[in-house]
Amino acid sequence: LTAFDDPARNALMDIVEQKYDKTSIIIAAQIPVKNWHETIGEGTIADAILDRMVHSSHRIELTVESMRKNKMKKTQINS
């Protein structure tokens, strides 16, 4: 939930570069896609990573409340 530092950004770039057009990558994130660029940081590298990830991607965005929130609501009701 924090911005990438240089080693993390470089590691992600290496992974995406190695897998690009060869195999699948599954990425799960709590951060909305619209915020990925600023979270990755370093504009040019973020552009390169996101260009490769978006090419031929399938995006599934969950729009339901989280199970944690539902569990908290049930706990409050039963209290």
Protein backbone atom coordinates (compact mmCIF):
# COMPACT_ATOMS: atom_id res chain seq x y z
CA LEU A 1 0.00 0.00 0.00
CA THR A 2 3.02 2.25 -0.30
CA ALA A 3 4.97 3.46 -3.32
CA PHE A 4 7.59 1.13 -4.75
CA ASP A 5 11.22 1.74 -3.88
CA ASP A 6 13.96 1.30 -6.50
CA PRO A 7 14.70 -2.41 -5.80
CA ALA A 8 10.98 -3.34 -5.86
CA ARG A 9 10.36 -1.34 -9.06
CA ASN A 10 13.37 -2.94 -10.77
CA ALA A 11 12.30 -6.43 -9.65
CA LEU A 12 8.80 -5.89 -11.07
CA MET A 13 10.27 -4.61 -14.33
CA ASP A 14 12.53 -7.69 -14.56
CA ILE A 15 9.60 -10.06 -13.96
CA VAL A 16 7.32 -8.31 -16.45
CA GLU A 17 10.09 -8.15 -19.05
CA GLN A 18 10.93 -11.86 -18.69
CA LYS A 19 7.28 -12.93 -18.97
CA TYR A 20 6.17 -10.46 -21.66
CA ASP A 21 4.62 -12.28 -24.66
CA LYS A 22 5.84 -15.63 -23.29
CA THR A 23 3.64 -16.61 -20.38
CA SER A 24 0.94 -15.32 -18.07
CA ILE A 25 1.26 -13.13 -15.03
CA ILE A 26 -1.49 -12.82 -12.43
CA ILE A 27 -1.48 -9.65 -10.39
CA ALA A 28 -3.84 -9.03 -7.49
CA ALA A 29 -3.89 -5.62 -5.89
CA GLN A 30 -5.93 -3.57 -3.46
CA ILE A 31 -4.81 -0.39 -5.18
CA PRO A 32 -7.10 0.77 -8.00
CA VAL A 33 -5.53 0.45 -11.46
CA LYS A 34 -5.82 4.23 -11.96
CA ASN A 35 -3.28 4.66 -9.12
CA TRP A 36 -0.75 2.07 -10.29
CA HIS A 37 1.42 4.54 -12.22
CA GLU A 38 2.02 6.76 -9.21
CA THR A 39 2.45 3.73 -6.92
CA ILE A 40 5.11 2.20 -9.16
CA GLY A 41 6.81 5.60 -9.44
CA GLU A 42 9.70 6.65 -11.71
CA GLY A 43 7.59 7.68 -14.70
CA THR A 44 9.56 6.05 -17.51
CA ILE A 45 9.84 2.69 -15.76
CA ALA A 46 6.17 2.81 -14.70
CA ASP A 47 5.22 3.49 -18.32
CA ALA A 48 7.28 0.52 -19.53
CA ILE A 49 5.85 -1.84 -16.90
CA LEU A 50 2.25 -0.79 -17.46
CA ASP A 51 2.57 -0.87 -21.27
CA ARG A 52 3.71 -4.49 -21.08
CA MET A 53 1.09 -5.45 -18.48
CA VAL A 54 -1.80 -3.85 -20.34
CA HIS A 55 -0.90 -5.41 -23.72
CA SER A 56 -3.18 -8.45 -24.19
CA SER A 57 -4.36 -8.32 -20.59
CA HIS A 58 -7.64 -9.46 -19.11
CA ARG A 59 -8.79 -7.34 -16.21
CA ILE A 60 -11.24 -8.51 -13.57
CA GLU A 61 -12.34 -5.85 -11.14
CA LEU A 62 -14.32 -6.92 -8.10
CA THR A 63 -17.09 -4.53 -7.18
CA VAL A 64 -18.59 -6.22 -4.12
CA GLU A 65 -17.85 -5.29 -0.52
CA SER A 66 -14.93 -7.10 1.03
CA MET A 67 -15.54 -10.19 3.12
CA ARG A 68 -13.81 -8.43 6.03
CA LYS A 69 -16.37 -5.61 5.98
CA ASN A 70 -19.25 -8.10 5.78
CA LYS A 71 -17.84 -10.07 8.71
CA MET A 72 -17.48 -6.89 10.78
CA LYS A 73 -21.11 -5.95 10.05
CA LYS A 74 -22.33 -9.39 11.14
CA THR A 75 -20.25 -9.20 14.32
CA GLN A 76 -21.73 -5.79 15.17
CA ILE A 77 -25.28 -7.00 14.54
CA ASN A 78 -24.78 -10.07 16.76
CA SER A 79 -23.26 -8.00 19.61
